[in-house]
Amino acid sequence: MFFGLKFKDKKTIKELRKNRNLTAKELADKLKLDTVDILKIDDQRLKDLPEPLKAKLLPILRGDYMDNMTWL
């Protein structure tokens, strides 16, 4: 229940992206945005972003997209 609170605390988008081993280009491709847009928000905290962008970023930075992968 309170596990998500520590995730959003004081980490920047760049730190969260690096923890998932994603480059700015890879994250932009997953979000269908330009790389420049990701680089602009790299130094901001996740909690400081507008809600529509935060809703797109959160599942990718948490790794939720990996839950549904099928391994052969």
PDB file of N, CA and C in Angstrom:
ATOM      1  N   MET A   1       0.802  -1.172   0.000  1.00  0.00           N
ATOM      2  CA  MET A   1       0.000   0.000   0.000  1.00  0.00           C
ATOM      3  C   MET A   1       0.860   1.256   0.000  1.00  0.00           C
ATOM      4  N   PHE A   2       1.939   1.278   0.760  1.00  0.00           N
ATOM      5  CA  PHE A   2       2.783   2.454   0.833  1.00  0.00           C
ATOM      6  C   PHE A   2       4.086   2.283   0.061  1.00  0.00           C
ATOM      7  N   PHE A   3       4.155   1.269  -0.773  1.00  0.00           N
ATOM      8  CA  PHE A   3       5.394   1.006  -1.479  1.00  0.00           C
ATOM      9  C   PHE A   3       5.689   2.055  -2.536  1.00  0.00           C
ATOM     10  N   GLY A   4       4.671   2.634  -3.160  1.00  0.00           N
ATOM     11  CA  GLY A   4       4.865   3.606  -4.226  1.00  0.00           C
ATOM     12  C   GLY A   4       5.312   4.964  -3.734  1.00  0.00           C
ATOM     13  N   LEU A   5       5.156   5.260  -2.457  1.00  0.00           N
ATOM     14  CA  LEU A   5       5.510   6.578  -1.948  1.00  0.00           C
ATOM     15  C   LEU A   5       7.013   6.818  -1.973  1.00  0.00           C
ATOM     16  N   LYS A   6       7.796   5.837  -1.643  1.00  0.00           N
ATOM     17  CA  LYS A   6       9.242   5.994  -1.633  1.00  0.00           C
ATOM     18  C   LYS A   6       9.781   6.132  -3.055  1.00  0.00           C
ATOM     19  N   PHE A   7       9.104   5.539  -4.005  1.00  0.00           N
ATOM     20  CA  PHE A   7       9.537   5.583  -5.398  1.00  0.00           C
ATOM     21  C   PHE A   7       9.525   7.014  -5.930  1.00  0.00           C
ATOM     22  N   LYS A   8       8.545   7.801  -5.558  1.00  0.00           N
ATOM     23  CA  LYS A   8       8.378   9.139  -6.110  1.00  0.00           C
ATOM     24  C   LYS A   8       9.088  10.225  -5.320  1.00  0.00           C
ATOM     25  N   ASP A   9       9.699   9.912  -4.220  1.00  0.00           N
ATOM     26  CA  ASP A   9      10.174  10.934  -3.293  1.00  0.00           C
ATOM     27  C   ASP A   9      11.040  12.013  -3.936  1.00  0.00           C
ATOM     28  N   LYS A  10      12.329  11.792  -3.998  1.00  0.00           N
ATOM     29  CA  LYS A  10      13.229  12.866  -4.391  1.00  0.00           C
ATOM     30  C   LYS A  10      14.077  12.533  -5.610  1.00  0.00           C
ATOM     31  N   LYS A  11      13.737  11.494  -6.313  1.00  0.00           N
ATOM     32  CA  LYS A  11      14.551  11.090  -7.446  1.00  0.00           C
ATOM     33  C   LYS A  11      14.116  11.829  -8.707  1.00  0.00           C
ATOM     34  N   THR A  12      15.098  12.166  -9.516  1.00  0.00           N
ATOM     35  CA  THR A  12      14.805  12.825 -10.780  1.00  0.00           C
ATOM     36  C   THR A  12      14.472  11.770 -11.834  1.00  0.00           C
ATOM     37  N   ILE A  13      13.942  12.235 -12.934  1.00  0.00           N
ATOM     38  CA  ILE A  13      13.611  11.338 -14.040  1.00  0.00           C
ATOM     39  C   ILE A  13      14.879  10.648 -14.542  1.00  0.00           C
ATOM     40  N   LYS A  14      15.973  11.369 -14.573  1.00  0.00           N
ATOM     41  CA  LYS A  14      17.231  10.784 -15.045  1.00  0.00           C
ATOM     42  C   LYS A  14      17.675   9.626 -14.157  1.00  0.00           C
ATOM     43  N   GLU A  15      17.580   9.799 -12.844  1.00  0.00           N
ATOM     44  CA  GLU A  15      17.969   8.726 -11.923  1.00  0.00           C
ATOM     45  C   GLU A  15      17.070   7.511 -12.087  1.00  0.00           C
ATOM     46  N   LEU A  16      15.769   7.732 -12.194  1.00  0.00           N
ATOM     47  CA  LEU A  16      14.833   6.621 -12.349  1.00  0.00           C
ATOM     48  C   LEU A  16      15.041   5.908 -13.678  1.00  0.00           C
ATOM     49  N   ARG A  17      15.342   6.697 -14.711  1.00  0.00           N
ATOM     50  CA  ARG A  17      15.597   6.130 -16.036  1.00  0.00           C
ATOM     51  C   ARG A  17      16.869   5.294 -16.026  1.00  0.00           C
ATOM     52  N   LYS A  18      17.892   5.785 -15.380  1.00  0.00           N
ATOM     53  CA  LYS A  18      19.166   5.050 -15.301  1.00  0.00           C
ATOM     54  C   LYS A  18      19.023   3.781 -14.463  1.00  0.00           C
ATOM     55  N   ASN A  19      18.179   3.801 -13.440  1.00  0.00           N
ATOM     56  CA  ASN A  19      17.949   2.604 -12.626  1.00  0.00           C
ATOM     57  C   ASN A  19      17.311   1.491 -13.451  1.00  0.00           C
ATOM     58  N   ARG A  20      16.556   1.839 -14.462  1.00  0.00           N
ATOM     59  CA  ARG A  20      15.941   0.860 -15.364  1.00  0.00           C
ATOM     60  C   ARG A  20      16.801   0.576 -16.582  1.00  0.00           C
ATOM     61  N   ASN A  21      18.007   1.151 -16.631  1.00  0.00           N
ATOM     62  CA  ASN A  21      18.940   0.980 -17.752  1.00  0.00           C
ATOM     63  C   ASN A  21      18.321   1.406 -19.075  1.00  0.00           C
ATOM     64  N   LEU A  22      17.625   2.533 -19.058  1.00  0.00           N
ATOM     65  CA  LEU A  22      17.019   3.076 -20.269  1.00  0.00           C
ATOM     66  C   LEU A  22      17.754   4.353 -20.667  1.00  0.00           C
ATOM     67  N   THR A  23      18.023   4.484 -21.951  1.00  0.00           N
ATOM     68  CA  THR A  23      18.553   5.744 -22.442  1.00  0.00           C
ATOM     69  C   THR A  23      17.377   6.679 -22.700  1.00  0.00           C
ATOM     70  N   ALA A  24      17.684   7.938 -22.942  1.00  0.00           N
ATOM     71  CA  ALA A  24      16.622   8.904 -23.230  1.00  0.00           C
ATOM     72  C   ALA A  24      15.901   8.524 -24.516  1.00  0.00           C
ATOM     73  N   LYS A  25      16.629   8.006 -25.484  1.00  0.00           N
ATOM     74  CA  LYS A  25      16.015   7.602 -26.754  1.00  0.00           C
ATOM     75  C   LYS A  25      15.074   6.412 -26.554  1.00  0.00           C
ATOM     76  N   GLU A  26      15.493   5.430 -25.764  1.00  0.00           N
ATOM     77  CA  GLU A  26      14.649   4.263 -25.522  1.00  0.00           C
ATOM     78  C   GLU A  26      13.371   4.642 -24.777  1.00  0.00           C
ATOM     79  N   LEU A  27      13.498   5.518 -23.785  1.00  0.00           N
ATOM     80  CA  LEU A  27      12.323   5.969 -23.050  1.00  0.00           C
ATOM     81  C   LEU A  27      11.396   6.769 -23.949  1.00  0.00           C
ATOM     82  N   ALA A  28      11.955   7.603 -24.798  1.00  0.00           N
ATOM     83  CA  ALA A  28      11.145   8.378 -25.731  1.00  0.00           C
ATOM     84  C   ALA A  28      10.412   7.462 -26.711  1.00  0.00           C
ATOM     85  N   ASP A  29      11.063   6.406 -27.161  1.00  0.00           N
ATOM     86  CA  ASP A  29      10.414   5.459 -28.067  1.00  0.00           C
ATOM     87  C   ASP A  29       9.257   4.744 -27.382  1.00  0.00           C
ATOM     88  N   LYS A  30       9.414   4.378 -26.136  1.00  0.00           N
ATOM     89  CA  LYS A  30       8.340   3.699 -25.405  1.00  0.00           C
ATOM     90  C   LYS A  30       7.148   4.623 -25.167  1.00  0.00           C
ATOM     91  N   LEU A  31       7.424   5.908 -24.976  1.00  0.00           N
ATOM     92  CA  LEU A  31       6.364   6.884 -24.720  1.00  0.00           C
ATOM     93  C   LEU A  31       5.835   7.535 -25.991  1.00  0.00           C
ATOM     94  N   LYS A  32       6.488   7.258 -27.115  1.00  0.00           N
ATOM     95  CA  LYS A  32       6.147   7.868 -28.403  1.00  0.00           C
ATOM     96  C   LYS A  32       6.276   9.391 -28.332  1.00  0.00           C
ATOM     97  N   LEU A  33       7.413   9.832 -27.772  1.00  0.00           N
ATOM     98  CA  LEU A  33       7.765  11.244 -27.677  1.00  0.00           C
ATOM     99  C   LEU A  33       9.105  11.462 -28.365  1.00  0.00           C
ATOM    100  N   ASP A  34       9.493  12.719 -28.482  1.00  0.00           N
ATOM    101  CA  ASP A  34      10.818  13.038 -29.009  1.00  0.00           C
ATOM    102  C   ASP A  34      11.856  12.906 -27.898  1.00  0.00           C
ATOM    103  N   THR A  35      13.074  12.583 -28.277  1.00  0.00           N
ATOM    104  CA  THR A  35      14.157  12.465 -27.310  1.00  0.00           C
ATOM    105  C   THR A  35      14.412  13.800 -26.617  1.00  0.00           C
ATOM    106  N   VAL A  36      14.235  14.882 -27.344  1.00  0.00           N
ATOM    107  CA  VAL A  36      14.456  16.210 -26.787  1.00  0.00           C
ATOM    108  C   VAL A  36      13.492  16.471 -25.632  1.00  0.00           C
ATOM    109  N   ASP A  37      12.261  15.998 -25.747  1.00  0.00           N
ATOM    110  CA  ASP A  37      11.281  16.181 -24.675  1.00  0.00           C
ATOM    111  C   ASP A  37      11.710  15.461 -23.398  1.00  0.00           C
ATOM    112  N   ILE A  38      12.274  14.279 -23.543  1.00  0.00           N
ATOM    113  CA  ILE A  38      12.747  13.527 -22.377  1.00  0.00           C
ATOM    114  C   ILE A  38      13.941  14.241 -21.745  1.00  0.00           C
ATOM    115  N   LEU A  39      14.840  14.754 -22.571  1.00  0.00           N
ATOM    116  CA  LEU A  39      16.011  15.448 -22.043  1.00  0.00           C
ATOM    117  C   LEU A  39      15.628  16.737 -21.323  1.00  0.00           C
ATOM    118  N   LYS A  40      14.530  17.364 -21.731  1.00  0.00           N
ATOM    119  CA  LYS A  40      14.062  18.587 -21.061  1.00  0.00           C
ATOM    120  C   LYS A  40      13.561  18.302 -19.652  1.00  0.00           C
ATOM    121  N   ILE A  41      12.951  17.139 -19.446  1.00  0.00           N
ATOM    122  CA  ILE A  41      12.382  16.819 -18.135  1.00  0.00           C
ATOM    123  C   ILE A  41      13.310  15.968 -17.288  1.00  0.00           C
ATOM    124  N   ASP A  42      14.500  15.668 -17.775  1.00  0.00           N
ATOM    125  CA  ASP A  42      15.436  14.788 -17.069  1.00  0.00           C
ATOM    126  C   ASP A  42      15.797  15.285 -15.672  1.00  0.00           C
ATOM    127  N   ASP A  43      15.913  16.575 -15.479  1.00  0.00           N
ATOM    128  CA  ASP A  43      16.343  17.112 -14.189  1.00  0.00           C
ATOM    129  C   ASP A  43      15.191  17.407 -13.246  1.00  0.00           C
ATOM    130  N   GLN A  44      13.962  17.114 -13.661  1.00  0.00           N
ATOM    131  CA  GLN A  44      12.799  17.361 -12.807  1.00  0.00           C
ATOM    132  C   GLN A  44      12.470  16.112 -12.006  1.00  0.00           C
ATOM    133  N   ARG A  45      11.822  16.318 -10.875  1.00  0.00           N
ATOM    134  CA  ARG A  45      11.357  15.198 -10.069  1.00  0.00           C
ATOM    135  C   ARG A  45      10.060  14.668 -10.660  1.00  0.00           C
ATOM    136  N   LEU A  46       9.794  13.418 -10.408  1.00  0.00           N
ATOM    137  CA  LEU A  46       8.583  12.793 -10.935  1.00  0.00           C
ATOM    138  C   LEU A  46       7.335  13.453 -10.370  1.00  0.00           C
ATOM    139  N   LYS A  47       7.368  13.828  -9.099  1.00  0.00           N
ATOM    140  CA  LYS A  47       6.183  14.424  -8.486  1.00  0.00           C
ATOM    141  C   LYS A  47       5.924  15.844  -8.975  1.00  0.00           C
ATOM    142  N   ASP A  48       6.908  16.479  -9.623  1.00  0.00           N
ATOM    143  CA  ASP A  48       6.741  17.832 -10.132  1.00  0.00           C
ATOM    144  C   ASP A  48       6.198  17.879 -11.556  1.00  0.00           C
ATOM    145  N   LEU A  49       6.066  16.742 -12.205  1.00  0.00           N
ATOM    146  CA  LEU A  49       5.581  16.700 -13.581  1.00  0.00           C
ATOM    147  C   LEU A  49       4.066  16.825 -13.628  1.00  0.00           C
ATOM    148  N   PRO A  50       3.536  17.315 -14.761  1.00  0.00           N
ATOM    149  CA  PRO A  50       2.075  17.350 -14.912  1.00  0.00           C
ATOM    150  C   PRO A  50       1.499  15.940 -14.946  1.00  0.00           C
ATOM    151  N   GLU A  51       0.265  15.810 -14.526  1.00  0.00           N
ATOM    152  CA  GLU A  51      -0.366  14.495 -14.357  1.00  0.00           C
ATOM    153  C   GLU A  51      -0.415  13.642 -15.634  1.00  0.00           C
ATOM    154  N   PRO A  52      -0.757  14.182 -16.818  1.00  0.00           N
ATOM    155  CA  PRO A  52      -0.789  13.294 -18.000  1.00  0.00           C
ATOM    156  C   PRO A  52       0.569  12.671 -18.319  1.00  0.00           C
ATOM    157  N   LEU A  53       1.626  13.444 -18.189  1.00  0.00           N
ATOM    158  CA  LEU A  53       2.966  12.924 -18.462  1.00  0.00           C
ATOM    159  C   LEU A  53       3.406  11.950 -17.376  1.00  0.00           C
ATOM    160  N   LYS A  54       3.069  12.258 -16.140  1.00  0.00           N
ATOM    161  CA  LYS A  54       3.423  11.378 -15.021  1.00  0.00           C
ATOM    162  C   LYS A  54       2.732  10.026 -15.167  1.00  0.00           C
ATOM    163  N   ALA A  55       1.491  10.034 -15.629  1.00  0.00           N
ATOM    164  CA  ALA A  55       0.747   8.788 -15.812  1.00  0.00           C
ATOM    165  C   ALA A  55       1.371   7.913 -16.895  1.00  0.00           C
ATOM    166  N   LYS A  56       1.968   8.527 -17.903  1.00  0.00           N
ATOM    167  CA  LYS A  56       2.652   7.767 -18.953  1.00  0.00           C
ATOM    168  C   LYS A  56       3.988   7.218 -18.465  1.00  0.00           C
ATOM    169  N   LEU A  57       4.716   8.027 -17.705  1.00  0.00           N
ATOM    170  CA  LEU A  57       6.066   7.657 -17.264  1.00  0.00           C
ATOM    171  C   LEU A  57       6.087   6.617 -16.164  1.00  0.00           C
ATOM    172  N   LEU A  58       5.166   6.700 -15.245  1.00  0.00           N
ATOM    173  CA  LEU A  58       5.204   5.872 -14.041  1.00  0.00           C
ATOM    174  C   LEU A  58       5.252   4.371 -14.325  1.00  0.00           C
ATOM    175  N   PRO A  59       4.399   3.814 -15.198  1.00  0.00           N
ATOM    176  CA  PRO A  59       4.482   2.359 -15.434  1.00  0.00           C
ATOM    177  C   PRO A  59       5.805   1.919 -16.058  1.00  0.00           C
ATOM    178  N   ILE A  60       6.387   2.758 -16.894  1.00  0.00           N
ATOM    179  CA  ILE A  60       7.643   2.385 -17.536  1.00  0.00           C
ATOM    180  C   ILE A  60       8.791   2.460 -16.542  1.00  0.00           C
ATOM    181  N   LEU A  61       8.814   3.490 -15.717  1.00  0.00           N
ATOM    182  CA  LEU A  61       9.898   3.641 -14.754  1.00  0.00           C
ATOM    183  C   LEU A  61       9.781   2.657 -13.591  1.00  0.00           C
ATOM    184  N   ARG A  62       8.572   2.160 -13.334  1.00  0.00           N
ATOM    185  CA  ARG A  62       8.389   1.123 -12.306  1.00  0.00           C
ATOM    186  C   ARG A  62       8.687  -0.257 -12.853  1.00  0.00           C
ATOM    187  N   GLY A  63       8.632  -0.424 -14.177  1.00  0.00           N
ATOM    188  CA  GLY A  63       8.891  -1.720 -14.784  1.00  0.00           C
ATOM    189  C   GLY A  63       7.641  -2.543 -15.005  1.00  0.00           C
ATOM    190  N   ASP A  64       6.472  -1.923 -14.971  1.00  0.00           N
ATOM    191  CA  ASP A  64       5.221  -2.651 -15.155  1.00  0.00           C
ATOM    192  C   ASP A  64       5.099  -3.265 -16.546  1.00  0.00           C
ATOM    193  N   TYR A  65       5.735  -2.651 -17.542  1.00  0.00           N
ATOM    194  CA  TYR A  65       5.635  -3.184 -18.895  1.00  0.00           C
ATOM    195  C   TYR A  65       6.354  -4.527 -19.018  1.00  0.00           C
ATOM    196  N   MET A  66       7.225  -4.845 -18.080  1.00  0.00           N
ATOM    197  CA  MET A  66       7.944  -6.118 -18.115  1.00  0.00           C
ATOM    198  C   MET A  66       7.107  -7.275 -17.573  1.00  0.00           C
ATOM    199  N   ASP A  67       6.024  -6.985 -16.863  1.00  0.00           N
ATOM    200  CA  ASP A  67       5.210  -8.027 -16.240  1.00  0.00           C
ATOM    201  C   ASP A  67       4.525  -8.930 -17.262  1.00  0.00           C
ATOM    202  N   ASN A  68       4.175  -8.390 -18.412  1.00  0.00           N
ATOM    203  CA  ASN A  68       3.411  -9.150 -19.394  1.00  0.00           C
ATOM    204  C   ASN A  68       4.262  -9.752 -20.501  1.00  0.00           C
ATOM    205  N   MET A  69       5.570  -9.763 -20.352  1.00  0.00           N
ATOM    206  CA  MET A  69       6.426 -10.336 -21.378  1.00  0.00           C
ATOM    207  C   MET A  69       6.397 -11.861 -21.302  1.00  0.00           C
ATOM    208  N   THR A  70       6.339 -12.453 -22.452  1.00  0.00           N
ATOM    209  CA  THR A  70       6.394 -13.914 -22.506  1.00  0.00           C
ATOM    210  C   THR A  70       7.810 -14.338 -22.877  1.00  0.00           C
ATOM    211  N   TRP A  71       8.332 -15.242 -22.112  1.00  0.00           N
ATOM    212  CA  TRP A  71       9.702 -15.708 -22.353  1.00  0.00           C
ATOM    213  C   TRP A  71       9.637 -17.085 -22.987  1.00  0.00           C
ATOM    214  N   LEU A  72      10.416 -17.269 -24.000  1.00  0.00           N
ATOM    215  CA  LEU A  72      10.415 -18.554 -24.713  1.00  0.00           C
ATOM    216  C   LEU A  72      11.406 -19.515 -24.139  1.00  0.00           C
TER     217      LEU A  72
END
